Amino acid sequence: MVDAQTRPGMRSRKTMTDVTVTHLEMTAPEQLRGPQRECACDYALLQAEIPCPEYNRFLYTSVGSQWMWHSRLTWDYARWMAYLDRPEVETWVATVHGTPAGYFELERQDKGNVELVYFGVMPRFTGQGLGGSLLTDAVNRAWSMGAKRVWVHTCSLDHPHAIDNYTARGFTPFKVTVEHEELPAQPLEPWPGADR
């Protein structure tokens, strides 16, 4: 694991912490409930049809840095490409006037499962109702992929309203675990000073 804030010559600081992981599922399309609040920003939803590790890593770090998304930071180009260059994986990006505002990643799995692997909104666009609308789009896309079940997992490090958003859309928790994880001592940043 790499601490993204560590500069050359500095030692990486890490800490052990308990992380609560909640797994949620939706087993029928009619369980999906759209957002009650309309999105304040007019966004376009586009599929990133050409596998591009640089782009997916940008989305991953831009959305996930403040929520301690770190597991893919050690991936090299080849590993990103091997993961993305499969027909089972789709990346969709919400843009506002051409600027990426959020994204989701779906993976078709065995037995008709489709996992919402990653989902999030860029910090610049939070608080505008995009989360509910984009999650609705993500679930609709998962069902259109032939899903018999759509599932996702979130954790206590994610956005404080993540579980509320999932349950408001119709997801139901089916498993909760506590994992002991080694994490960077401070929230990550896409670049030094980005959160200031």
N, C-alpha and C. Protein backbone atom coordinates (compact mmCIF):
# COMPACT_ATOMS: atom_id res chain seq x y z
N MET A 1 0.86 -1.17 0.00
CA MET A 1 0.00 0.00 0.00
C MET A 1 0.90 1.23 0.00
N VAL A 2 0.54 2.23 -0.77
CA VAL A 2 1.33 3.45 -0.88
C VAL A 2 0.58 4.61 -0.27
N ASP A 3 1.23 5.36 0.58
CA ASP A 3 0.64 6.58 1.11
C ASP A 3 0.87 7.67 0.08
N ALA A 4 -0.19 8.16 -0.53
CA ALA A 4 -0.07 9.11 -1.64
C ALA A 4 0.55 10.43 -1.21
N GLN A 5 0.60 10.73 0.09
CA GLN A 5 1.17 11.99 0.53
C GLN A 5 2.67 11.87 0.83
N THR A 6 3.20 10.67 0.78
CA THR A 6 4.61 10.49 1.10
C THR A 6 5.46 11.02 -0.04
N ARG A 7 6.40 11.89 0.29
CA ARG A 7 7.30 12.43 -0.70
C ARG A 7 8.59 11.63 -0.68
N PRO A 8 9.39 11.66 -1.75
CA PRO A 8 10.65 10.93 -1.76
C PRO A 8 11.48 11.28 -0.52
N GLY A 9 12.00 10.24 0.11
CA GLY A 9 12.83 10.44 1.30
C GLY A 9 12.06 10.43 2.59
N MET A 10 10.73 10.49 2.53
CA MET A 10 9.91 10.47 3.74
C MET A 10 9.40 9.06 3.98
N ARG A 11 9.22 8.69 5.23
CA ARG A 11 8.66 7.40 5.56
C ARG A 11 7.14 7.48 5.52
N SER A 12 6.54 6.41 5.01
CA SER A 12 5.09 6.34 4.97
C SER A 12 4.55 6.12 6.37
N ARG A 13 3.54 6.91 6.75
CA ARG A 13 2.91 6.74 8.06
C ARG A 13 1.58 6.05 7.85
N LYS A 14 1.38 5.00 8.64
CA LYS A 14 0.14 4.24 8.52
C LYS A 14 -0.42 3.99 9.90
N THR A 15 -1.70 3.66 9.93
CA THR A 15 -2.35 3.38 11.18
C THR A 15 -3.31 2.21 10.99
N MET A 16 -3.51 1.42 12.04
CA MET A 16 -4.46 0.32 11.99
C MET A 16 -5.80 0.82 12.53
N THR A 17 -6.87 0.45 11.86
CA THR A 17 -8.19 0.89 12.30
C THR A 17 -9.23 -0.16 11.95
N ASP A 18 -10.31 -0.19 12.71
CA ASP A 18 -11.44 -1.06 12.40
C ASP A 18 -12.35 -0.35 11.41
N VAL A 19 -12.70 -1.04 10.35
CA VAL A 19 -13.56 -0.49 9.30
C VAL A 19 -14.80 -1.36 9.19
N THR A 20 -15.96 -0.76 9.35
CA THR A 20 -17.22 -1.50 9.20
C THR A 20 -17.63 -1.49 7.73
N VAL A 21 -17.80 -2.68 7.17
CA VAL A 21 -18.17 -2.83 5.76
C VAL A 21 -19.61 -3.33 5.68
N THR A 22 -20.44 -2.60 4.95
CA THR A 22 -21.84 -2.97 4.78
C THR A 22 -22.08 -3.36 3.33
N HIS A 23 -22.60 -4.57 3.12
CA HIS A 23 -22.93 -5.08 1.80
C HIS A 23 -24.44 -4.91 1.61
N LEU A 24 -24.83 -4.35 0.46
CA LEU A 24 -26.24 -4.10 0.18
C LEU A 24 -26.60 -4.69 -1.17
N GLU A 25 -27.89 -5.02 -1.34
CA GLU A 25 -28.33 -5.61 -2.60
C GLU A 25 -29.71 -5.12 -3.00
N MET A 26 -29.98 -5.30 -4.29
CA MET A 26 -31.29 -5.06 -4.85
C MET A 26 -31.56 -6.27 -5.74
N THR A 27 -32.72 -6.91 -5.57
CA THR A 27 -32.97 -8.16 -6.26
C THR A 27 -34.04 -8.07 -7.36
N ALA A 28 -34.60 -6.89 -7.56
CA ALA A 28 -35.58 -6.71 -8.63
C ALA A 28 -35.58 -5.25 -9.06
N PRO A 29 -35.72 -4.99 -10.36
CA PRO A 29 -35.69 -3.61 -10.86
C PRO A 29 -36.73 -2.70 -10.22
N GLU A 30 -37.88 -3.26 -9.86
CA GLU A 30 -38.94 -2.42 -9.29
C GLU A 30 -38.61 -1.94 -7.88
N GLN A 31 -37.55 -2.45 -7.28
CA GLN A 31 -37.14 -1.97 -5.96
C GLN A 31 -36.43 -0.61 -6.04
N LEU A 32 -35.99 -0.24 -7.23
CA LEU A 32 -35.27 1.03 -7.40
C LEU A 32 -36.21 2.21 -7.20
N ARG A 33 -35.81 3.13 -6.35
CA ARG A 33 -36.54 4.38 -6.12
C ARG A 33 -35.65 5.55 -6.54
N GLY A 34 -36.17 6.40 -7.36
CA GLY A 34 -35.42 7.57 -7.80
C GLY A 34 -35.28 8.58 -6.68
N PRO A 35 -34.42 9.58 -6.88
CA PRO A 35 -34.22 10.60 -5.85
C PRO A 35 -35.43 11.50 -5.68
N GLN A 36 -35.67 11.92 -4.45
CA GLN A 36 -36.78 12.85 -4.19
C GLN A 36 -36.38 14.28 -4.51
N ARG A 37 -35.07 14.52 -4.50
CA ARG A 37 -34.56 15.86 -4.77
C ARG A 37 -33.97 15.90 -6.17
N GLU A 38 -34.35 16.88 -6.93
CA GLU A 38 -33.82 17.00 -8.29
C GLU A 38 -32.39 17.50 -8.26
N CYS A 39 -31.58 16.97 -9.15
CA CYS A 39 -30.18 17.38 -9.24
C CYS A 39 -30.10 18.84 -9.69
N ALA A 40 -29.28 19.62 -8.98
CA ALA A 40 -29.15 21.05 -9.30
C ALA A 40 -28.27 21.30 -10.52
N CYS A 41 -27.52 20.29 -10.92
CA CYS A 41 -26.65 20.48 -12.08
C CYS A 41 -27.13 19.60 -13.23
N ASP A 42 -27.07 20.15 -14.41
CA ASP A 42 -27.49 19.43 -15.61
C ASP A 42 -26.28 18.65 -16.10
N TYR A 43 -26.32 17.33 -15.97
CA TYR A 43 -25.15 16.53 -16.34
C TYR A 43 -25.44 15.60 -17.50
N ALA A 44 -24.38 15.27 -18.21
CA ALA A 44 -24.44 14.28 -19.28
C ALA A 44 -23.76 13.02 -18.76
N LEU A 45 -24.28 11.87 -19.13
CA LEU A 45 -23.71 10.60 -18.70
C LEU A 45 -23.13 9.89 -19.91
N LEU A 46 -21.83 9.62 -19.85
CA LEU A 46 -21.13 9.01 -20.98
C LEU A 46 -20.36 7.79 -20.52
N GLN A 47 -20.36 6.75 -21.35
CA GLN A 47 -19.55 5.58 -21.05
C GLN A 47 -18.14 5.80 -21.57
N ALA A 48 -17.15 5.50 -20.74
CA ALA A 48 -15.75 5.53 -21.18
C ALA A 48 -15.51 4.19 -21.88
N GLU A 49 -15.69 4.16 -23.18
CA GLU A 49 -15.69 2.90 -23.92
C GLU A 49 -14.30 2.37 -24.24
N ILE A 50 -13.29 3.20 -24.20
CA ILE A 50 -11.93 2.76 -24.47
C ILE A 50 -11.21 2.60 -23.14
N PRO A 51 -10.73 1.41 -22.80
CA PRO A 51 -10.01 1.24 -21.53
C PRO A 51 -8.83 2.20 -21.45
N CYS A 52 -8.76 2.96 -20.37
CA CYS A 52 -7.73 3.98 -20.22
C CYS A 52 -7.32 4.05 -18.75
N PRO A 53 -6.26 3.33 -18.35
CA PRO A 53 -5.84 3.33 -16.96
C PRO A 53 -5.63 4.72 -16.37
N GLU A 54 -5.07 5.64 -17.15
CA GLU A 54 -4.84 6.98 -16.63
C GLU A 54 -6.15 7.66 -16.22
N TYR A 55 -7.18 7.48 -17.04
CA TYR A 55 -8.47 8.12 -16.77
C TYR A 55 -9.14 7.49 -15.54
N ASN A 56 -9.16 6.16 -15.50
CA ASN A 56 -9.80 5.51 -14.36
C ASN A 56 -9.06 5.80 -13.06
N ARG A 57 -7.73 5.88 -13.11
CA ARG A 57 -6.98 6.21 -11.90
C ARG A 57 -7.28 7.65 -11.47
N PHE A 58 -7.43 8.55 -12.44
CA PHE A 58 -7.80 9.92 -12.13
C PHE A 58 -9.16 9.97 -11.43
N LEU A 59 -10.14 9.26 -11.97
CA LEU A 59 -11.47 9.22 -11.35
C LEU A 59 -11.40 8.63 -9.94
N TYR A 60 -10.69 7.54 -9.82
CA TYR A 60 -10.55 6.84 -8.53
C TYR A 60 -9.93 7.75 -7.47
N THR A 61 -8.84 8.43 -7.80
CA THR A 61 -8.18 9.28 -6.80
C THR A 61 -8.94 10.57 -6.56
N SER A 62 -9.55 11.13 -7.59
CA SER A 62 -10.27 12.39 -7.42
C SER A 62 -11.52 12.23 -6.56
N VAL A 63 -12.25 11.14 -6.75
CA VAL A 63 -13.45 10.89 -5.96
C VAL A 63 -13.08 10.29 -4.60
N GLY A 64 -12.15 9.35 -4.60
CA GLY A 64 -11.93 8.54 -3.41
C GLY A 64 -10.86 8.99 -2.44
N SER A 65 -10.06 9.98 -2.80
CA SER A 65 -8.93 10.34 -1.92
C SER A 65 -9.38 10.74 -0.53
N GLN A 66 -10.43 11.54 -0.42
CA GLN A 66 -10.85 11.98 0.91
C GLN A 66 -11.54 10.87 1.71
N TRP A 67 -11.90 9.76 1.04
CA TRP A 67 -12.56 8.65 1.73
C TRP A 67 -11.61 7.46 1.91
N MET A 68 -10.32 7.71 1.75
CA MET A 68 -9.29 6.70 2.00
C MET A 68 -9.32 5.53 1.01
N TRP A 69 -9.83 5.77 -0.21
CA TRP A 69 -9.72 4.73 -1.22
C TRP A 69 -8.24 4.58 -1.52
N HIS A 70 -7.69 3.43 -1.22
CA HIS A 70 -6.24 3.26 -1.37
C HIS A 70 -5.84 1.95 -2.03
N SER A 71 -6.76 0.99 -2.13
CA SER A 71 -6.37 -0.35 -2.57
C SER A 71 -5.83 -0.39 -4.00
N ARG A 72 -6.23 0.53 -4.85
CA ARG A 72 -5.74 0.51 -6.24
C ARG A 72 -4.54 1.43 -6.47
N LEU A 73 -4.09 2.11 -5.45
CA LEU A 73 -2.97 3.04 -5.65
C LEU A 73 -1.66 2.32 -5.99
N THR A 74 -1.57 1.05 -5.64
CA THR A 74 -0.36 0.29 -5.95
C THR A 74 -0.41 -0.37 -7.33
N TRP A 75 -1.56 -0.29 -7.99
CA TRP A 75 -1.68 -0.93 -9.30
C TRP A 75 -0.80 -0.23 -10.33
N ASP A 76 -0.08 -1.03 -11.11
CA ASP A 76 0.67 -0.45 -12.22
C ASP A 76 -0.23 -0.41 -13.47
N TYR A 77 0.32 0.14 -14.54
CA TYR A 77 -0.47 0.32 -15.77
C TYR A 77 -1.03 -1.01 -16.26
N ALA A 78 -0.20 -2.05 -16.25
CA ALA A 78 -0.62 -3.35 -16.78
C ALA A 78 -1.79 -3.93 -15.99
N ARG A 79 -1.75 -3.76 -14.67
CA ARG A 79 -2.84 -4.30 -13.85
C ARG A 79 -4.14 -3.52 -14.09
N TRP A 80 -4.04 -2.19 -14.21
CA TRP A 80 -5.23 -1.40 -14.55
C TRP A 80 -5.81 -1.85 -15.89
N MET A 81 -4.93 -2.01 -16.87
CA MET A 81 -5.40 -2.38 -18.21
C MET A 81 -6.04 -3.77 -18.20
N ALA A 82 -5.42 -4.71 -17.50
CA ALA A 82 -5.97 -6.06 -17.44
C ALA A 82 -7.36 -6.06 -16.81
N TYR A 83 -7.56 -5.21 -15.82
CA TYR A 83 -8.87 -5.12 -15.17
C TYR A 83 -9.90 -4.45 -16.08
N LEU A 84 -9.52 -3.32 -16.68
CA LEU A 84 -10.47 -2.52 -17.46
C LEU A 84 -10.80 -3.12 -18.82
N ASP A 85 -9.84 -3.81 -19.41
CA ASP A 85 -10.00 -4.30 -20.78
C ASP A 85 -10.73 -5.65 -20.79
N ARG A 86 -11.90 -5.68 -20.16
CA ARG A 86 -12.75 -6.87 -20.11
C ARG A 86 -14.17 -6.45 -20.41
N PRO A 87 -14.92 -7.26 -21.13
CA PRO A 87 -16.30 -6.87 -21.45
C PRO A 87 -17.20 -6.81 -20.22
N GLU A 88 -16.78 -7.42 -19.12
CA GLU A 88 -17.61 -7.42 -17.90
C GLU A 88 -17.58 -6.08 -17.18
N VAL A 89 -16.61 -5.23 -17.47
CA VAL A 89 -16.42 -3.98 -16.71
C VAL A 89 -16.85 -2.78 -17.56
N GLU A 90 -17.62 -1.90 -16.93
CA GLU A 90 -18.03 -0.65 -17.58
C GLU A 90 -17.75 0.53 -16.65
N THR A 91 -17.25 1.61 -17.22
CA THR A 91 -17.05 2.87 -16.50
C THR A 91 -17.94 3.93 -17.14
N TRP A 92 -18.72 4.61 -16.31
CA TRP A 92 -19.61 5.68 -16.77
C TRP A 92 -19.27 6.96 -16.02
N VAL A 93 -19.22 8.06 -16.73
CA VAL A 93 -18.80 9.34 -16.16
C VAL A 93 -19.89 10.39 -16.37
N ALA A 94 -20.24 11.06 -15.28
CA ALA A 94 -21.16 12.19 -15.36
C ALA A 94 -20.33 13.45 -15.56
N THR A 95 -20.66 14.23 -16.57
CA THR A 95 -19.94 15.47 -16.82
C THR A 95 -20.91 16.65 -16.78
N VAL A 96 -20.41 17.77 -16.29
CA VAL A 96 -21.17 19.01 -16.26
C VAL A 96 -20.39 20.02 -17.09
N HIS A 97 -20.96 20.42 -18.21
CA HIS A 97 -20.28 21.33 -19.14
C HIS A 97 -18.88 20.82 -19.49
N GLY A 98 -18.78 19.50 -19.69
CA GLY A 98 -17.53 18.89 -20.10
C GLY A 98 -16.59 18.52 -18.98
N THR A 99 -16.91 18.88 -17.75
CA THR A 99 -16.05 18.59 -16.60
C THR A 99 -16.54 17.35 -15.87
N PRO A 100 -15.65 16.37 -15.60
CA PRO A 100 -16.08 15.19 -14.85
C PRO A 100 -16.62 15.60 -13.48
N ALA A 101 -17.82 15.10 -13.15
CA ALA A 101 -18.47 15.46 -11.88
C ALA A 101 -18.66 14.25 -10.98
N GLY A 102 -18.62 13.06 -11.54
CA GLY A 102 -18.79 11.84 -10.77
C GLY A 102 -18.68 10.66 -11.70
N TYR A 103 -18.64 9.46 -11.12
CA TYR A 103 -18.54 8.28 -11.97
C TYR A 103 -19.03 7.05 -11.23
N PHE A 104 -19.26 6.00 -12.02
CA PHE A 104 -19.51 4.69 -11.44
C PHE A 104 -18.88 3.62 -12.32
N GLU A 105 -18.55 2.53 -11.67
CA GLU A 105 -17.93 1.39 -12.34
C GLU A 105 -18.77 0.16 -12.01
N LEU A 106 -19.16 -0.57 -13.03
CA LEU A 106 -19.97 -1.77 -12.88
C LEU A 106 -19.20 -2.98 -13.37
N GLU A 107 -19.44 -4.13 -12.72
CA GLU A 107 -18.81 -5.37 -13.17
C GLU A 107 -19.86 -6.48 -13.20
N ARG A 108 -20.03 -7.07 -14.39
CA ARG A 108 -20.92 -8.22 -14.54
C ARG A 108 -20.21 -9.44 -13.96
N GLN A 109 -20.89 -10.18 -13.09
CA GLN A 109 -20.29 -11.32 -12.42
C GLN A 109 -21.15 -12.57 -12.64
N ASP A 110 -20.71 -13.70 -12.06
CA ASP A 110 -21.41 -14.96 -12.22
C ASP A 110 -22.82 -14.89 -11.65
N LYS A 111 -23.67 -15.79 -12.13
CA LYS A 111 -25.03 -16.00 -11.62
C LYS A 111 -25.91 -14.75 -11.71
N GLY A 112 -25.66 -13.92 -12.71
CA GLY A 112 -26.51 -12.76 -12.93
C GLY A 112 -26.28 -11.60 -11.99
N ASN A 113 -25.17 -11.62 -11.26
CA ASN A 113 -24.84 -10.51 -10.36
C ASN A 113 -24.15 -9.40 -11.14
N VAL A 114 -24.49 -8.17 -10.82
CA VAL A 114 -23.74 -7.01 -11.29
C VAL A 114 -23.37 -6.20 -10.05
N GLU A 115 -22.06 -5.99 -9.89
CA GLU A 115 -21.58 -5.22 -8.73
C GLU A 115 -21.35 -3.77 -9.12
N LEU A 116 -21.83 -2.88 -8.30
CA LEU A 116 -21.47 -1.47 -8.39
C LEU A 116 -20.16 -1.35 -7.64
N VAL A 117 -19.06 -1.47 -8.37
CA VAL A 117 -17.74 -1.60 -7.76
C VAL A 117 -17.29 -0.28 -7.14
N TYR A 118 -17.43 0.82 -7.90
CA TYR A 118 -17.10 2.15 -7.40
C TYR A 118 -18.18 3.13 -7.82
N PHE A 119 -18.43 4.07 -6.94
CA PHE A 119 -19.43 5.09 -7.20
C PHE A 119 -19.06 6.32 -6.39
N GLY A 120 -19.13 7.49 -7.00
CA GLY A 120 -18.88 8.69 -6.21
C GLY A 120 -18.97 9.95 -7.03
N VAL A 121 -18.96 11.05 -6.31
CA VAL A 121 -19.09 12.39 -6.88
C VAL A 121 -17.84 13.18 -6.53
N MET A 122 -17.36 13.96 -7.48
CA MET A 122 -16.20 14.83 -7.24
C MET A 122 -16.55 15.85 -6.15
N PRO A 123 -15.59 16.18 -5.29
CA PRO A 123 -15.86 17.14 -4.21
C PRO A 123 -16.51 18.44 -4.69
N ARG A 124 -16.12 18.93 -5.85
CA ARG A 124 -16.66 20.18 -6.39
C ARG A 124 -18.17 20.13 -6.63
N PHE A 125 -18.71 18.89 -6.79
CA PHE A 125 -20.11 18.74 -7.17
C PHE A 125 -20.97 18.10 -6.09
N THR A 126 -20.45 17.92 -4.90
CA THR A 126 -21.26 17.35 -3.82
C THR A 126 -22.26 18.39 -3.32
N GLY A 127 -23.34 17.90 -2.73
CA GLY A 127 -24.35 18.79 -2.16
C GLY A 127 -25.31 19.37 -3.17
N GLN A 128 -25.29 18.87 -4.41
CA GLN A 128 -26.16 19.41 -5.46
C GLN A 128 -27.21 18.40 -5.93
N GLY A 129 -27.33 17.29 -5.20
CA GLY A 129 -28.29 16.27 -5.59
C GLY A 129 -27.80 15.32 -6.66
N LEU A 130 -26.54 15.43 -7.04
CA LEU A 130 -26.00 14.56 -8.08
C LEU A 130 -25.91 13.12 -7.61
N GLY A 131 -25.60 12.90 -6.33
CA GLY A 131 -25.42 11.54 -5.83
C GLY A 131 -26.64 10.65 -6.03
N GLY A 132 -27.82 11.16 -5.69
CA GLY A 132 -29.04 10.38 -5.85
C GLY A 132 -29.37 10.10 -7.31
N SER A 133 -29.21 11.12 -8.14
CA SER A 133 -29.51 10.95 -9.56
C SER A 133 -28.53 10.01 -10.24
N LEU A 134 -27.24 10.17 -9.93
CA LEU A 134 -26.22 9.33 -10.56
C LEU A 134 -26.34 7.88 -10.08
N LEU A 135 -26.66 7.68 -8.81
CA LEU A 135 -26.85 6.31 -8.32
C LEU A 135 -28.06 5.66 -9.01
N THR A 136 -29.10 6.41 -9.24
CA THR A 136 -30.26 5.89 -9.98
C THR A 136 -29.84 5.47 -11.38
N ASP A 137 -29.04 6.30 -12.04
CA ASP A 137 -28.52 5.94 -13.37
C ASP A 137 -27.67 4.68 -13.32
N ALA A 138 -26.84 4.57 -12.30
CA ALA A 138 -25.96 3.40 -12.17
C ALA A 138 -26.76 2.12 -12.01
N VAL A 139 -27.78 2.16 -11.17
CA VAL A 139 -28.60 0.96 -10.95
C VAL A 139 -29.40 0.62 -12.20
N ASN A 140 -29.95 1.62 -12.86
CA ASN A 140 -30.67 1.35 -14.11
C ASN A 140 -29.75 0.70 -15.14
N ARG A 141 -28.51 1.18 -15.23
CA ARG A 141 -27.57 0.57 -16.18
C ARG A 141 -27.26 -0.87 -15.78
N ALA A 142 -27.10 -1.12 -14.48
CA ALA A 142 -26.82 -2.48 -14.03
C ALA A 142 -27.95 -3.43 -14.43
N TRP A 143 -29.20 -2.99 -14.26
CA TRP A 143 -30.32 -3.85 -14.66
C TRP A 143 -30.31 -4.06 -16.16
N SER A 144 -29.94 -3.04 -16.93
CA SER A 144 -29.93 -3.19 -18.40
C SER A 144 -28.82 -4.11 -18.88
N MET A 145 -27.86 -4.41 -18.00
CA MET A 145 -26.78 -5.36 -18.33
C MET A 145 -27.25 -6.80 -18.13
N GLY A 146 -28.50 -7.00 -17.79
CA GLY A 146 -29.03 -8.34 -17.60
C GLY A 146 -28.92 -8.85 -16.18
N ALA A 147 -28.78 -7.94 -15.23
CA ALA A 147 -28.61 -8.33 -13.83
C ALA A 147 -29.85 -9.03 -13.30
N LYS A 148 -29.61 -10.02 -12.46
CA LYS A 148 -30.67 -10.62 -11.64
C LYS A 148 -30.58 -10.07 -10.22
N ARG A 149 -29.42 -9.52 -9.93
CA ARG A 149 -29.16 -8.94 -8.60
C ARG A 149 -28.09 -7.88 -8.77
N VAL A 150 -28.31 -6.72 -8.16
CA VAL A 150 -27.32 -5.64 -8.16
C VAL A 150 -26.85 -5.48 -6.72
N TRP A 151 -25.54 -5.44 -6.53
CA TRP A 151 -25.04 -5.32 -5.17
C TRP A 151 -23.88 -4.34 -5.09
N VAL A 152 -23.63 -3.87 -3.88
CA VAL A 152 -22.59 -2.87 -3.63
C VAL A 152 -22.12 -3.05 -2.20
N HIS A 153 -20.92 -2.63 -1.93
CA HIS A 153 -20.51 -2.54 -0.52
C HIS A 153 -19.94 -1.16 -0.26
N THR A 154 -20.19 -0.68 0.94
CA THR A 154 -19.66 0.61 1.38
C THR A 154 -19.07 0.40 2.76
N CYS A 155 -18.36 1.39 3.25
CA CYS A 155 -17.73 1.20 4.55
C CYS A 155 -17.78 2.49 5.37
N SER A 156 -17.35 2.37 6.61
CA SER A 156 -17.41 3.50 7.54
C SER A 156 -16.45 4.62 7.16
N LEU A 157 -15.60 4.40 6.18
CA LEU A 157 -14.70 5.45 5.71
C LEU A 157 -15.31 6.27 4.58
N ASP A 158 -16.38 5.76 3.97
CA ASP A 158 -17.00 6.45 2.83
C ASP A 158 -17.77 7.68 3.29
N HIS A 159 -18.33 8.39 2.32
CA HIS A 159 -19.13 9.59 2.60
C HIS A 159 -20.17 9.26 3.68
N PRO A 160 -20.37 10.17 4.64
CA PRO A 160 -21.31 9.88 5.73
C PRO A 160 -22.73 9.56 5.28
N HIS A 161 -23.12 10.01 4.07
CA HIS A 161 -24.47 9.74 3.58
C HIS A 161 -24.53 8.59 2.58
N ALA A 162 -23.43 7.85 2.43
CA ALA A 162 -23.40 6.77 1.43
C ALA A 162 -24.49 5.73 1.68
N ILE A 163 -24.55 5.19 2.89
CA ILE A 163 -25.56 4.16 3.17
C ILE A 163 -26.96 4.73 3.00
N ASP A 164 -27.17 5.96 3.45
CA ASP A 164 -28.50 6.58 3.29
C ASP A 164 -28.89 6.67 1.82
N ASN A 165 -27.94 7.02 0.96
CA ASN A 165 -28.21 7.12 -0.47
C ASN A 165 -28.58 5.75 -1.03
N TYR A 166 -27.81 4.72 -0.65
CA TYR A 166 -28.09 3.37 -1.15
C TYR A 166 -29.46 2.87 -0.68
N THR A 167 -29.77 3.03 0.58
CA THR A 167 -31.06 2.53 1.09
C THR A 167 -32.23 3.37 0.54
N ALA A 168 -32.02 4.66 0.36
CA ALA A 168 -33.06 5.51 -0.23
C ALA A 168 -33.39 5.09 -1.65
N ARG A 169 -32.42 4.55 -2.38
CA ARG A 169 -32.66 4.08 -3.74
C ARG A 169 -33.29 2.70 -3.75
N GLY A 170 -33.32 2.00 -2.61
CA GLY A 170 -33.97 0.68 -2.56
C GLY A 170 -33.06 -0.47 -2.24
N PHE A 171 -31.78 -0.22 -2.00
CA PHE A 171 -30.86 -1.29 -1.59
C PHE A 171 -31.17 -1.73 -0.16
N THR A 172 -30.96 -3.01 0.12
CA THR A 172 -31.15 -3.57 1.45
C THR A 172 -29.85 -4.19 1.93
N PRO A 173 -29.41 -3.88 3.16
CA PRO A 173 -28.19 -4.51 3.69
C PRO A 173 -28.40 -6.02 3.85
N PHE A 174 -27.38 -6.80 3.49
CA PHE A 174 -27.47 -8.24 3.69
C PHE A 174 -26.30 -8.80 4.48
N LYS A 175 -25.25 -8.01 4.69
CA LYS A 175 -24.12 -8.48 5.48
C LYS A 175 -23.34 -7.28 5.99
N VAL A 176 -22.91 -7.36 7.25
CA VAL A 176 -22.05 -6.32 7.83
C VAL A 176 -20.87 -7.03 8.47
N THR A 177 -19.67 -6.58 8.14
CA THR A 177 -18.45 -7.13 8.72
C THR A 177 -17.59 -6.00 9.26
N VAL A 178 -16.67 -6.35 10.14
CA VAL A 178 -15.69 -5.39 10.63
C VAL A 178 -14.32 -5.93 10.25
N GLU A 179 -13.57 -5.11 9.52
CA GLU A 179 -12.24 -5.51 9.07
C GLU A 179 -11.20 -4.60 9.71
N HIS A 180 -10.07 -5.18 10.08
CA HIS A 180 -8.96 -4.43 10.66
C HIS A 180 -8.02 -4.09 9.51
N GLU A 181 -7.93 -2.80 9.16
CA GLU A 181 -7.16 -2.39 7.99
C GLU A 181 -6.03 -1.45 8.34
N GLU A 182 -4.96 -1.57 7.57
CA GLU A 182 -3.85 -0.63 7.68
C GLU A 182 -4.11 0.50 6.69
N LEU A 183 -4.22 1.71 7.21
CA LEU A 183 -4.56 2.87 6.39
C LEU A 183 -3.52 3.96 6.52
N PRO A 184 -3.45 4.85 5.53
CA PRO A 184 -2.61 6.03 5.70
C PRO A 184 -3.09 6.82 6.93
N ALA A 185 -2.16 7.45 7.62
CA ALA A 185 -2.49 8.18 8.85
C ALA A 185 -3.37 9.39 8.59
N GLN A 186 -3.29 9.97 7.39
CA GLN A 186 -4.06 11.15 7.03
C GLN A 186 -4.89 10.84 5.79
N PRO A 187 -6.01 11.56 5.59
CA PRO A 187 -6.74 11.39 4.33
C PRO A 187 -5.82 11.64 3.14
N LEU A 188 -6.04 10.91 2.08
CA LEU A 188 -5.22 11.06 0.87
C LEU A 188 -5.65 12.30 0.12
N GLU A 189 -4.80 12.74 -0.79
CA GLU A 189 -5.11 13.88 -1.63
C GLU A 189 -4.68 13.55 -3.04
N PRO A 190 -5.42 14.02 -4.06
CA PRO A 190 -4.98 13.77 -5.43
C PRO A 190 -3.61 14.40 -5.71
N TRP A 191 -3.30 15.50 -4.99
CA TRP A 191 -1.98 16.12 -5.05
C TRP A 191 -1.76 16.84 -3.73
N PRO A 192 -0.53 17.08 -3.33
CA PRO A 192 -0.28 17.76 -2.04
C PRO A 192 -0.98 19.11 -1.97
N GLY A 193 -1.74 19.31 -0.89
CA GLY A 193 -2.44 20.57 -0.68
C GLY A 193 -3.78 20.68 -1.36
N ALA A 194 -4.24 19.59 -2.00
CA ALA A 194 -5.50 19.65 -2.76
C ALA A 194 -6.70 19.94 -1.87
N ASP A 195 -6.62 19.55 -0.62
CA ASP A 195 -7.78 19.70 0.27
C ASP A 195 -7.78 21.03 1.01
N ARG A 196 -6.89 21.95 0.65
CA ARG A 196 -6.80 23.23 1.35
C ARG A 196 -7.46 24.33 0.55
